[in-house]
């Protein structure tokens, strides 16, 4: 079995990988933030300036991830018997809410500008520099999404995966900006409305992704059970242990990147305390091998019932 020092080392490696990938994303966000603001001002593009604000929220969520993953990786203490994993869930909720706000802001801005164009207001045609910045943003942010989501899934960090989606939402936003700016430049000022129309479409994808992150976080913060497929896997692993006759009172929940499992097992009453403990320990090892070393497991052992009643071993008819 993995000892405490090995688990501590694994946890340190995890935090180190999370920090490394998040800092890499932060460098990209800061560079794009400066590029987009400059391109938006020089290219007279309100859409690009809005995109720059989106990059600013990306940088803010990078800070959230760095702070909360550090907190979430702290071991259990007197005030947190189950560790600090919920801090990562809280970080995911904050990122999801910030994404939701950004999506709604982009949608509102697009609707207002589209309405102005319908009313006859001539929208300003953006410059080529804004188009170049949009293309660079799409490429860099999609790259940031790819390497961030890879580390997030490897480290089982929902906050990092959420941050990866923040990168992709920025890429999608820049796609809308690129299409709008490109269309306005190629087709002339009369088609400047393409910019806000594209932004509205992109905002719908951002809002959908944000809502999924928020709802996932709410479920975990309110101790929702694991998906049925995962609970069935837990029951399967327990039932494969020799002597286990029934699994009941199964309770599960997620704590950050770990899960907690509580269940009752019925086994022959003739087993000695030592033998019962050995079986329970074996089940715990298999569950941690499958779900991770940080899995919290509480197993309550009960003797098999005969005619609905517990009976002493000498009276049990096998």
C-alpha atoms as a PDB file:
ATOM      1  CA  UNK A   1       0.000   0.000   0.000  1.00  0.00           C
ATOM      2  CA  UNK A   2       1.159   3.559  -0.712  1.00  0.00           C
ATOM      3  CA  UNK A   3       2.556   5.105   2.474  1.00  0.00           C
ATOM      4  CA  UNK A   4       1.929   8.637   3.755  1.00  0.00           C
ATOM      5  CA  UNK A   5       5.214  10.030   2.443  1.00  0.00           C
ATOM      6  CA  UNK A   6       4.465   8.729  -1.056  1.00  0.00           C
ATOM      7  CA  UNK A   7       0.977  10.217  -0.975  1.00  0.00           C
ATOM      8  CA  UNK A   8       2.415  13.523   0.194  1.00  0.00           C
ATOM      9  CA  UNK A   9       4.910  13.472  -2.667  1.00  0.00           C
ATOM     10  CA  UNK A  10       2.087  12.721  -5.133  1.00  0.00           C
ATOM     11  CA  UNK A  11       0.111  15.667  -3.735  1.00  0.00           C
ATOM     12  CA  UNK A  12       3.123  17.967  -4.081  1.00  0.00           C
ATOM     13  CA  UNK A  13       3.638  16.864  -7.687  1.00  0.00           C
ATOM     14  CA  UNK A  14      -0.027  17.543  -8.392  1.00  0.00           C
ATOM     15  CA  UNK A  15       0.122  21.070  -6.985  1.00  0.00           C
ATOM     16  CA  UNK A  16       3.347  21.707  -8.890  1.00  0.00           C
ATOM     17  CA  UNK A  17       1.773  20.635 -12.201  1.00  0.00           C
ATOM     18  CA  UNK A  18      -1.325  22.727 -11.546  1.00  0.00           C
ATOM     19  CA  UNK A  19       0.794  25.781 -10.730  1.00  0.00           C
ATOM     20  CA  UNK A  20       2.968  25.283 -13.802  1.00  0.00           C
ATOM     21  CA  UNK A  21       0.080  25.018 -16.272  1.00  0.00           C
ATOM     22  CA  UNK A  22      -1.875  27.863 -14.647  1.00  0.00           C
ATOM     23  CA  UNK A  23       1.130  30.202 -14.696  1.00  0.00           C
ATOM     24  CA  UNK A  24       1.681  29.346 -18.381  1.00  0.00           C
ATOM     25  CA  UNK A  25      -1.927  30.302 -19.065  1.00  0.00           C
ATOM     26  CA  UNK A  26      -1.476  33.519 -17.080  1.00  0.00           C
ATOM     27  CA  UNK A  27       1.470  34.567 -19.269  1.00  0.00           C
ATOM     28  CA  UNK A  28      -0.693  34.071 -22.366  1.00  0.00           C
ATOM     29  CA  UNK A  29      -3.581  35.980 -20.778  1.00  0.00           C
ATOM     30  CA  UNK A  30      -1.419  38.971 -19.840  1.00  0.00           C
ATOM     31  CA  UNK A  31       0.139  39.104 -23.324  1.00  0.00           C
ATOM     32  CA  UNK A  32      -3.270  38.913 -25.017  1.00  0.00           C
ATOM     33  CA  UNK A  33      -4.733  41.433 -22.597  1.00  0.00           C
ATOM     34  CA  UNK A  34      -2.185  44.048 -23.699  1.00  0.00           C
ATOM     35  CA  UNK A  35      -2.461  43.072 -27.389  1.00  0.00           C
ATOM     36  CA  UNK A  36      -6.267  43.209 -27.468  1.00  0.00           C
ATOM     37  CA  UNK A  37      -6.561  46.555 -25.694  1.00  0.00           C
ATOM     38  CA  UNK A  38      -3.974  48.059 -28.052  1.00  0.00           C
ATOM     39  CA  UNK A  39      -5.615  46.530 -31.140  1.00  0.00           C
ATOM     40  CA  UNK A  40      -9.079  47.574 -29.983  1.00  0.00           C
ATOM     41  CA  UNK A  41      -8.009  51.192 -29.531  1.00  0.00           C
ATOM     42  CA  UNK A  42      -5.827  51.427 -32.663  1.00  0.00           C
ATOM     43  CA  UNK A  43      -8.278  49.440 -34.795  1.00  0.00           C
ATOM     44  CA  UNK A  44     -11.394  51.265 -33.521  1.00  0.00           C
ATOM     45  CA  UNK A  45     -13.018  47.962 -32.552  1.00  0.00           C
ATOM     46  CA  UNK A  46     -15.419  47.904 -29.626  1.00  0.00           C
ATOM     47  CA  UNK A  47     -15.675  44.120 -30.029  1.00  0.00           C
ATOM     48  CA  UNK A  48     -11.923  43.733 -29.548  1.00  0.00           C
ATOM     49  CA  UNK A  49     -11.991  45.884 -26.425  1.00  0.00           C
ATOM     50  CA  UNK A  50     -14.799  43.667 -25.078  1.00  0.00           C
ATOM     51  CA  UNK A  51     -12.649  40.651 -25.926  1.00  0.00           C
ATOM     52  CA  UNK A  52      -9.804  42.239 -23.955  1.00  0.00           C
ATOM     53  CA  UNK A  53     -12.086  42.496 -20.939  1.00  0.00           C
ATOM     54  CA  UNK A  54     -12.799  38.780 -21.347  1.00  0.00           C
ATOM     55  CA  UNK A  55      -9.041  38.122 -21.201  1.00  0.00           C
ATOM     56  CA  UNK A  56      -8.920  40.172 -18.009  1.00  0.00           C
ATOM     57  CA  UNK A  57     -11.448  37.803 -16.416  1.00  0.00           C
ATOM     58  CA  UNK A  58      -9.298  34.876 -17.582  1.00  0.00           C
ATOM     59  CA  UNK A  59      -6.331  36.323 -15.730  1.00  0.00           C
ATOM     60  CA  UNK A  60      -8.484  36.796 -12.626  1.00  0.00           C
ATOM     61  CA  UNK A  61      -9.589  33.148 -12.722  1.00  0.00           C
ATOM     62  CA  UNK A  62      -5.942  32.070 -13.014  1.00  0.00           C
ATOM     63  CA  UNK A  63      -5.357  33.802  -9.689  1.00  0.00           C
ATOM     64  CA  UNK A  64      -8.404  32.050  -8.208  1.00  0.00           C
ATOM     65  CA  UNK A  65      -7.077  28.643  -9.299  1.00  0.00           C
ATOM     66  CA  UNK A  66      -3.603  29.302  -7.886  1.00  0.00           C
ATOM     67  CA  UNK A  67      -5.009  30.346  -4.502  1.00  0.00           C
ATOM     68  CA  UNK A  68      -7.764  27.744  -4.109  1.00  0.00           C
ATOM     69  CA  UNK A  69      -5.838  24.727  -5.409  1.00  0.00           C
ATOM     70  CA  UNK A  70      -3.149  25.535  -2.835  1.00  0.00           C
ATOM     71  CA  UNK A  71      -5.799  25.680  -0.113  1.00  0.00           C
ATOM     72  CA  UNK A  72      -7.555  22.562  -1.399  1.00  0.00           C
ATOM     73  CA  UNK A  73      -4.326  20.541  -1.299  1.00  0.00           C
ATOM     74  CA  UNK A  74      -3.802  21.116   2.426  1.00  0.00           C
ATOM     75  CA  UNK A  75      -4.093  17.900   4.480  1.00  0.00           C
ATOM     76  CA  UNK A  76      -6.856  17.338   7.030  1.00  0.00           C
ATOM     77  CA  UNK A  77      -6.567  19.170  10.328  1.00  0.00           C
ATOM     78  CA  UNK A  78      -8.577  19.633  13.519  1.00  0.00           C
ATOM     79  CA  UNK A  79     -11.077  21.937  11.774  1.00  0.00           C
ATOM     80  CA  UNK A  80     -11.354  19.924   8.527  1.00  0.00           C
ATOM     81  CA  UNK A  81     -11.626  16.185   9.186  1.00  0.00           C
ATOM     82  CA  UNK A  82     -12.277  15.500   5.500  1.00  0.00           C
ATOM     83  CA  UNK A  83      -9.498  17.749   4.218  1.00  0.00           C
ATOM     84  CA  UNK A  84      -9.841  20.973   2.243  1.00  0.00           C
ATOM     85  CA  UNK A  85     -10.950  19.580  -1.131  1.00  0.00           C
ATOM     86  CA  UNK A  86     -14.132  21.686  -1.240  1.00  0.00           C
ATOM     87  CA  UNK A  87     -11.960  24.775  -1.812  1.00  0.00           C
ATOM     88  CA  UNK A  88     -11.365  23.497  -5.352  1.00  0.00           C
ATOM     89  CA  UNK A  89     -15.098  23.050  -5.812  1.00  0.00           C
ATOM     90  CA  UNK A  90     -15.600  26.620  -4.609  1.00  0.00           C
ATOM     91  CA  UNK A  91     -12.987  27.784  -7.129  1.00  0.00           C
ATOM     92  CA  UNK A  92     -14.880  25.983  -9.897  1.00  0.00           C
ATOM     93  CA  UNK A  93     -18.076  27.760  -8.841  1.00  0.00           C
ATOM     94  CA  UNK A  94     -16.351  31.164  -8.896  1.00  0.00           C
ATOM     95  CA  UNK A  95     -14.898  30.481 -12.352  1.00  0.00           C
ATOM     96  CA  UNK A  96     -18.277  29.287 -13.625  1.00  0.00           C
ATOM     97  CA  UNK A  97     -20.029  32.398 -12.292  1.00  0.00           C
ATOM     98  CA  UNK A  98     -17.406  34.689 -13.837  1.00  0.00           C
ATOM     99  CA  UNK A  99     -17.843  32.874 -17.161  1.00  0.00           C
ATOM    100  CA  UNK A 100     -21.603  33.307 -16.891  1.00  0.00           C
ATOM    101  CA  UNK A 101     -21.261  37.048 -16.266  1.00  0.00           C
ATOM    102  CA  UNK A 102     -18.853  37.427 -19.196  1.00  0.00           C
ATOM    103  CA  UNK A 103     -21.200  35.493 -21.494  1.00  0.00           C
ATOM    104  CA  UNK A 104     -24.178  37.624 -20.500  1.00  0.00           C
ATOM    105  CA  UNK A 105     -22.178  40.839 -20.971  1.00  0.00           C
ATOM    106  CA  UNK A 106     -21.043  39.794 -24.455  1.00  0.00           C
ATOM    107  CA  UNK A 107     -24.623  38.829 -25.357  1.00  0.00           C
ATOM    108  CA  UNK A 108     -26.024  42.130 -24.067  1.00  0.00           C
ATOM    109  CA  UNK A 109     -23.431  44.162 -25.960  1.00  0.00           C
ATOM    110  CA  UNK A 110     -24.143  42.222 -29.152  1.00  0.00           C
ATOM    111  CA  UNK A 111     -27.910  42.670 -28.832  1.00  0.00           C
ATOM    112  CA  UNK A 112     -27.576  46.430 -28.220  1.00  0.00           C
ATOM    113  CA  UNK A 113     -25.298  46.951 -31.239  1.00  0.00           C
ATOM    114  CA  UNK A 114     -27.478  44.776 -33.468  1.00  0.00           C
ATOM    115  CA  UNK A 115     -30.532  46.822 -32.450  1.00  0.00           C
ATOM    116  CA  UNK A 116     -28.656  50.034 -33.185  1.00  0.00           C
ATOM    117  CA  UNK A 117     -27.778  48.740 -36.661  1.00  0.00           C
ATOM    118  CA  UNK A 118     -31.434  47.800 -37.290  1.00  0.00           C
ATOM    119  CA  UNK A 119     -32.429  51.328 -36.257  1.00  0.00           C
ATOM    120  CA  UNK A 120     -30.084  52.770 -38.872  1.00  0.00           C
ATOM    121  CA  UNK A 121     -27.083  53.605 -36.724  1.00  0.00           C
ATOM    122  CA  UNK A 122     -23.867  53.134 -38.726  1.00  0.00           C
ATOM    123  CA  UNK A 123     -21.471  50.951 -36.788  1.00  0.00           C
ATOM    124  CA  UNK A 124     -17.796  51.835 -37.112  1.00  0.00           C
ATOM    125  CA  UNK A 125     -15.756  49.598 -39.383  1.00  0.00           C
ATOM    126  CA  UNK A 126     -12.826  48.014 -37.500  1.00  0.00           C
ATOM    127  CA  UNK A 127      -9.221  48.048 -38.697  1.00  0.00           C
ATOM    128  CA  UNK A 128      -6.991  45.191 -39.874  1.00  0.00           C
ATOM    129  CA  UNK A 129      -4.922  45.312 -36.661  1.00  0.00           C
ATOM    130  CA  UNK A 130      -8.007  44.183 -34.740  1.00  0.00           C
ATOM    131  CA  UNK A 131      -8.427  41.207 -37.098  1.00  0.00           C
ATOM    132  CA  UNK A 132      -4.783  40.168 -36.607  1.00  0.00           C
ATOM    133  CA  UNK A 133      -5.218  40.333 -32.824  1.00  0.00           C
ATOM    134  CA  UNK A 134      -8.374  38.202 -33.028  1.00  0.00           C
ATOM    135  CA  UNK A 135      -6.609  35.516 -35.092  1.00  0.00           C
ATOM    136  CA  UNK A 136      -3.683  35.457 -32.641  1.00  0.00           C
ATOM    137  CA  UNK A 137      -6.110  35.162 -29.724  1.00  0.00           C
ATOM    138  CA  UNK A 138      -7.944  32.183 -31.253  1.00  0.00           C
ATOM    139  CA  UNK A 139      -4.695  30.283 -31.839  1.00  0.00           C
ATOM    140  CA  UNK A 140      -3.107  31.029 -28.461  1.00  0.00           C
ATOM    141  CA  UNK A 141      -6.235  30.457 -26.365  1.00  0.00           C
ATOM    142  CA  UNK A 142      -7.096  27.154 -28.029  1.00  0.00           C
ATOM    143  CA  UNK A 143      -3.504  26.045 -27.381  1.00  0.00           C
ATOM    144  CA  UNK A 144      -3.882  27.138 -23.742  1.00  0.00           C
ATOM    145  CA  UNK A 145      -7.129  25.141 -23.509  1.00  0.00           C
ATOM    146  CA  UNK A 146      -5.471  21.977 -24.825  1.00  0.00           C
ATOM    147  CA  UNK A 147      -2.502  21.903 -22.419  1.00  0.00           C
ATOM    148  CA  UNK A 148      -4.584  23.102 -19.446  1.00  0.00           C
ATOM    149  CA  UNK A 149      -7.413  20.573 -19.807  1.00  0.00           C
ATOM    150  CA  UNK A 150      -4.845  17.787 -20.266  1.00  0.00           C
ATOM    151  CA  UNK A 151      -3.223  18.581 -16.902  1.00  0.00           C
ATOM    152  CA  UNK A 152      -6.608  19.144 -15.240  1.00  0.00           C
ATOM    153  CA  UNK A 153      -7.823  15.683 -16.214  1.00  0.00           C
ATOM    154  CA  UNK A 154      -4.507  14.070 -15.326  1.00  0.00           C
ATOM    155  CA  UNK A 155      -4.556  15.658 -11.851  1.00  0.00           C
ATOM    156  CA  UNK A 156      -8.333  15.163 -11.428  1.00  0.00           C
ATOM    157  CA  UNK A 157      -8.717  18.895 -10.712  1.00  0.00           C
ATOM    158  CA  UNK A 158     -12.128  20.284 -11.602  1.00  0.00           C
ATOM    159  CA  UNK A 159     -10.897  23.838 -10.993  1.00  0.00           C
ATOM    160  CA  UNK A 160      -8.148  23.422 -13.600  1.00  0.00           C
ATOM    161  CA  UNK A 161     -10.574  21.859 -16.095  1.00  0.00           C
ATOM    162  CA  UNK A 162     -12.943  24.777 -15.459  1.00  0.00           C
ATOM    163  CA  UNK A 163     -10.090  27.196 -16.071  1.00  0.00           C
ATOM    164  CA  UNK A 164      -9.331  25.364 -19.326  1.00  0.00           C
ATOM    165  CA  UNK A 165     -12.897  26.009 -20.430  1.00  0.00           C
ATOM    166  CA  UNK A 166     -12.350  29.649 -19.572  1.00  0.00           C
ATOM    167  CA  UNK A 167      -9.483  29.603 -22.100  1.00  0.00           C
ATOM    168  CA  UNK A 168     -11.730  27.983 -24.708  1.00  0.00           C
ATOM    169  CA  UNK A 169     -14.543  30.463 -24.050  1.00  0.00           C
ATOM    170  CA  UNK A 170     -12.068  33.247 -24.784  1.00  0.00           C
ATOM    171  CA  UNK A 171     -11.057  31.448 -27.996  1.00  0.00           C
ATOM    172  CA  UNK A 172     -14.719  31.137 -29.000  1.00  0.00           C
ATOM    173  CA  UNK A 173     -15.283  34.780 -28.179  1.00  0.00           C
ATOM    174  CA  UNK A 174     -12.315  35.678 -30.370  1.00  0.00           C
ATOM    175  CA  UNK A 175     -13.734  33.516 -33.183  1.00  0.00           C
ATOM    176  CA  UNK A 176     -16.877  35.613 -33.089  1.00  0.00           C
ATOM    177  CA  UNK A 177     -14.793  38.780 -32.996  1.00  0.00           C
ATOM    178  CA  UNK A 178     -12.649  37.499 -35.886  1.00  0.00           C
ATOM    179  CA  UNK A 179     -15.676  36.644 -38.054  1.00  0.00           C
ATOM    180  CA  UNK A 180     -17.353  39.946 -37.293  1.00  0.00           C
ATOM    181  CA  UNK A 181     -14.258  42.076 -37.858  1.00  0.00           C
ATOM    182  CA  UNK A 182     -13.248  40.097 -40.962  1.00  0.00           C
ATOM    183  CA  UNK A 183     -16.727  40.357 -42.447  1.00  0.00           C
ATOM    184  CA  UNK A 184     -16.909  44.073 -41.753  1.00  0.00           C
ATOM    185  CA  UNK A 185     -13.496  44.658 -43.357  1.00  0.00           C
ATOM    186  CA  UNK A 186     -14.139  42.514 -46.451  1.00  0.00           C
ATOM    187  CA  UNK A 187     -17.781  43.482 -47.066  1.00  0.00           C
ATOM    188  CA  UNK A 188     -17.660  47.118 -46.015  1.00  0.00           C
ATOM    189  CA  UNK A 189     -19.261  49.270 -43.333  1.00  0.00           C
ATOM    190  CA  UNK A 190     -22.803  48.126 -44.215  1.00  0.00           C
ATOM    191  CA  UNK A 191     -21.897  44.675 -42.858  1.00  0.00           C
ATOM    192  CA  UNK A 192     -20.338  45.886 -39.615  1.00  0.00           C
ATOM    193  CA  UNK A 193     -23.376  44.329 -37.894  1.00  0.00           C
ATOM    194  CA  UNK A 194     -21.731  40.923 -38.420  1.00  0.00           C
ATOM    195  CA  UNK A 195     -19.491  41.700 -35.450  1.00  0.00           C
ATOM    196  CA  UNK A 196     -22.265  41.907 -32.804  1.00  0.00           C
ATOM    197  CA  UNK A 197     -24.267  39.078 -34.435  1.00  0.00           C
ATOM    198  CA  UNK A 198     -21.311  36.724 -34.177  1.00  0.00           C
ATOM    199  CA  UNK A 199     -20.760  37.809 -30.578  1.00  0.00           C
ATOM    200  CA  UNK A 200     -24.349  36.841 -29.683  1.00  0.00           C
ATOM    201  CA  UNK A 201     -23.890  33.339 -31.119  1.00  0.00           C
ATOM    202  CA  UNK A 202     -20.592  32.841 -29.292  1.00  0.00           C
ATOM    203  CA  UNK A 203     -22.049  34.111 -26.008  1.00  0.00           C
ATOM    204  CA  UNK A 204     -24.611  31.295 -26.105  1.00  0.00           C
ATOM    205  CA  UNK A 205     -21.806  28.697 -26.050  1.00  0.00           C
ATOM    206  CA  UNK A 206     -20.064  30.524 -23.212  1.00  0.00           C
ATOM    207  CA  UNK A 207     -23.254  30.728 -21.134  1.00  0.00           C
ATOM    208  CA  UNK A 208     -23.956  27.006 -21.692  1.00  0.00           C
ATOM    209  CA  UNK A 209     -20.450  25.984 -20.543  1.00  0.00           C
ATOM    210  CA  UNK A 210     -20.632  28.344 -17.544  1.00  0.00           C
ATOM    211  CA  UNK A 211     -24.010  26.989 -16.452  1.00  0.00           C
ATOM    212  CA  UNK A 212     -22.707  23.415 -16.539  1.00  0.00           C
ATOM    213  CA  UNK A 213     -19.728  24.373 -14.314  1.00  0.00           C
ATOM    214  CA  UNK A 214     -21.946  26.225 -11.821  1.00  0.00           C
ATOM    215  CA  UNK A 215     -24.460  23.374 -11.536  1.00  0.00           C
ATOM    216  CA  UNK A 216     -21.665  20.817 -11.120  1.00  0.00           C
ATOM    217  CA  UNK A 217     -20.196  22.884  -8.285  1.00  0.00           C
ATOM    218  CA  UNK A 218     -23.584  23.349  -6.614  1.00  0.00           C
ATOM    219  CA  UNK A 219     -24.138  19.584  -6.623  1.00  0.00           C
ATOM    220  CA  UNK A 220     -20.773  18.972  -4.959  1.00  0.00           C
ATOM    221  CA  UNK A 221     -21.154  21.774  -2.420  1.00  0.00           C
ATOM    222  CA  UNK A 222     -24.571  20.345  -1.448  1.00  0.00           C
ATOM    223  CA  UNK A 223     -23.071  16.815  -1.174  1.00  0.00           C
ATOM    224  CA  UNK A 224     -24.854  15.266  -4.146  1.00  0.00           C
ATOM    225  CA  UNK A 225     -24.210  11.547  -4.662  1.00  0.00           C
ATOM    226  CA  UNK A 226     -21.797  10.260  -7.288  1.00  0.00           C
ATOM    227  CA  UNK A 227     -23.244   9.246 -10.673  1.00  0.00           C
ATOM    228  CA  UNK A 228     -25.039   5.907 -10.709  1.00  0.00           C
ATOM    229  CA  UNK A 229     -22.319   4.296 -12.853  1.00  0.00           C
ATOM    230  CA  UNK A 230     -19.647   5.108 -10.241  1.00  0.00           C
ATOM    231  CA  UNK A 231     -21.803   3.863  -7.370  1.00  0.00           C
ATOM    232  CA  UNK A 232     -22.449   0.621  -9.266  1.00  0.00           C
ATOM    233  CA  UNK A 233     -18.682   0.227  -9.671  1.00  0.00           C
ATOM    234  CA  UNK A 234     -18.209   0.643  -5.905  1.00  0.00           C
ATOM    235  CA  UNK A 235     -20.825  -2.048  -5.228  1.00  0.00           C
ATOM    236  CA  UNK A 236     -19.213  -4.343  -7.804  1.00  0.00           C
ATOM    237  CA  UNK A 237     -15.774  -4.022  -6.188  1.00  0.00           C
ATOM    238  CA  UNK A 238     -17.206  -4.724  -2.721  1.00  0.00           C
ATOM    239  CA  UNK A 239     -19.237  -7.730  -3.900  1.00  0.00           C
ATOM    240  CA  UNK A 240     -16.162  -9.309  -5.483  1.00  0.00           C
ATOM    241  CA  UNK A 241     -14.588  -9.709  -2.032  1.00  0.00           C
ATOM    242  CA  UNK A 242     -14.924 -13.251  -0.676  1.00  0.00           C
ATOM    243  CA  UNK A 243     -17.591 -13.539   2.002  1.00  0.00           C
ATOM    244  CA  UNK A 244     -19.542 -10.376   1.171  1.00  0.00           C
ATOM    245  CA  UNK A 245     -23.221 -11.283   0.857  1.00  0.00           C
ATOM    246  CA  UNK A 246     -24.845  -7.854   0.587  1.00  0.00           C
ATOM    247  CA  UNK A 247     -23.958  -4.178   0.181  1.00  0.00           C
ATOM    248  CA  UNK A 248     -26.465  -1.616   1.464  1.00  0.00           C
ATOM    249  CA  UNK A 249     -26.747   1.914   2.914  1.00  0.00           C
ATOM    250  CA  UNK A 250     -24.255   3.144   0.293  1.00  0.00           C
ATOM    251  CA  UNK A 251     -23.539   6.862   0.601  1.00  0.00           C
ATOM    252  CA  UNK A 252     -21.180   8.774  -1.671  1.00  0.00           C
ATOM    253  CA  UNK A 253     -20.093  12.334  -2.326  1.00  0.00           C
ATOM    254  CA  UNK A 254     -17.251  14.237  -3.910  1.00  0.00           C
ATOM    255  CA  UNK A 255     -14.751  16.317  -1.913  1.00  0.00           C
ATOM    256  CA  UNK A 256     -12.681  18.337  -4.358  1.00  0.00           C
ATOM    257  CA  UNK A 257     -10.706  15.893  -6.499  1.00  0.00           C
ATOM    258  CA  UNK A 258     -11.415  12.984  -4.102  1.00  0.00           C
ATOM    259  CA  UNK A 259     -14.525  11.006  -3.239  1.00  0.00           C
ATOM    260  CA  UNK A 260     -15.948   9.763   0.069  1.00  0.00           C
ATOM    261  CA  UNK A 261     -17.678   6.388   0.386  1.00  0.00           C
ATOM    262  CA  UNK A 262     -19.724   4.981   3.266  1.00  0.00           C
ATOM    263  CA  UNK A 263     -21.404   1.565   3.099  1.00  0.00           C
ATOM    264  CA  UNK A 264     -22.644  -1.372   5.147  1.00  0.00           C
ATOM    265  CA  UNK A 265     -21.496  -4.913   4.303  1.00  0.00           C
ATOM    266  CA  UNK A 266     -23.089  -8.169   5.446  1.00  0.00           C
ATOM    267  CA  UNK A 267     -20.687 -11.073   6.002  1.00  0.00           C
ATOM    268  CA  UNK A 268     -20.884 -14.418   7.837  1.00  0.00           C
ATOM    269  CA  UNK A 269     -21.111 -13.892  11.594  1.00  0.00           C
ATOM    270  CA  UNK A 270     -18.684 -16.745  12.168  1.00  0.00           C
ATOM    271  CA  UNK A 271     -15.757 -14.660  10.919  1.00  0.00           C
ATOM    272  CA  UNK A 272     -13.293 -13.511  13.556  1.00  0.00           C
ATOM    273  CA  UNK A 273     -12.713  -9.805  14.066  1.00  0.00           C
ATOM    274  CA  UNK A 274      -9.283 -10.216  12.465  1.00  0.00           C
ATOM    275  CA  UNK A 275     -10.715 -11.941   9.372  1.00  0.00           C
ATOM    276  CA  UNK A 276     -13.479  -9.341   8.974  1.00  0.00           C
ATOM    277  CA  UNK A 277     -10.919  -6.554   9.266  1.00  0.00           C
ATOM    278  CA  UNK A 278      -8.729  -8.193   6.607  1.00  0.00           C
ATOM    279  CA  UNK A 279     -11.655  -8.367   4.183  1.00  0.00           C
ATOM    280  CA  UNK A 280     -12.596  -4.727   4.810  1.00  0.00           C
ATOM    281  CA  UNK A 281      -8.981  -3.626   4.330  1.00  0.00           C
ATOM    282  CA  UNK A 282      -8.773  -5.525   1.049  1.00  0.00           C
ATOM    283  CA  UNK A 283     -11.912  -3.762  -0.217  1.00  0.00           C
ATOM    284  CA  UNK A 284     -10.485  -0.381   0.800  1.00  0.00           C
ATOM    285  CA  UNK A 285      -7.262  -1.083  -1.121  1.00  0.00           C
ATOM    286  CA  UNK A 286      -9.157  -2.014  -4.268  1.00  0.00           C
ATOM    287  CA  UNK A 287     -11.390   1.062  -4.028  1.00  0.00           C
ATOM    288  CA  UNK A 288      -8.361   3.363  -3.616  1.00  0.00           C
ATOM    289  CA  UNK A 289      -6.617   1.666  -6.532  1.00  0.00           C
ATOM    290  CA  UNK A 290      -9.662   2.371  -8.687  1.00  0.00           C
ATOM    291  CA  UNK A 291     -10.723   5.822  -7.446  1.00  0.00           C
ATOM    292  CA  UNK A 292      -7.442   7.252  -6.114  1.00  0.00           C
ATOM    293  CA  UNK A 293      -5.347   7.141  -2.945  1.00  0.00           C
ATOM    294  CA  UNK A 294      -7.213  10.124  -1.505  1.00  0.00           C
ATOM    295  CA  UNK A 295     -10.516   8.213  -1.417  1.00  0.00           C
ATOM    296  CA  UNK A 296     -12.169   8.409   2.018  1.00  0.00           C
ATOM    297  CA  UNK A 297     -13.800   5.076   2.947  1.00  0.00           C
ATOM    298  CA  UNK A 298     -15.965   4.091   5.907  1.00  0.00           C
ATOM    299  CA  UNK A 299     -17.121   0.460   5.994  1.00  0.00           C
ATOM    300  CA  UNK A 300     -19.591  -0.828   8.588  1.00  0.00           C
ATOM    301  CA  UNK A 301     -19.611  -4.637   8.901  1.00  0.00           C
ATOM    302  CA  UNK A 302     -22.724  -6.583   9.881  1.00  0.00           C
ATOM    303  CA  UNK A 303     -23.440 -10.337  10.263  1.00  0.00           C
ATOM    304  CA  UNK A 304     -25.798 -11.990   7.788  1.00  0.00           C
ATOM    305  CA  UNK A 305     -29.460 -11.897   8.829  1.00  0.00           C
ATOM    306  CA  UNK A 306     -31.475 -15.098   9.212  1.00  0.00           C
ATOM    307  CA  UNK A 307     -35.231 -14.647   8.824  1.00  0.00           C
ATOM    308  CA  UNK A 308     -34.715 -10.912   9.125  1.00  0.00           C
ATOM    309  CA  UNK A 309     -32.832 -11.130  12.423  1.00  0.00           C
ATOM    310  CA  UNK A 310     -29.176 -11.115  13.450  1.00  0.00           C
ATOM    311  CA  UNK A 311     -28.263 -14.389  15.134  1.00  0.00           C
ATOM    312  CA  UNK A 312     -25.261 -15.586  17.056  1.00  0.00           C
ATOM    313  CA  UNK A 313     -22.789 -17.607  14.934  1.00  0.00           C
ATOM    314  CA  UNK A 314     -23.625 -20.922  16.626  1.00  0.00           C
ATOM    315  CA  UNK A 315     -27.292 -20.501  15.665  1.00  0.00           C
ATOM    316  CA  UNK A 316     -26.657 -19.449  12.056  1.00  0.00           C
ATOM    317  CA  UNK A 317     -27.425 -22.091   9.483  1.00  0.00           C
ATOM    318  CA  UNK A 318     -25.070 -21.692   6.554  1.00  0.00           C
END
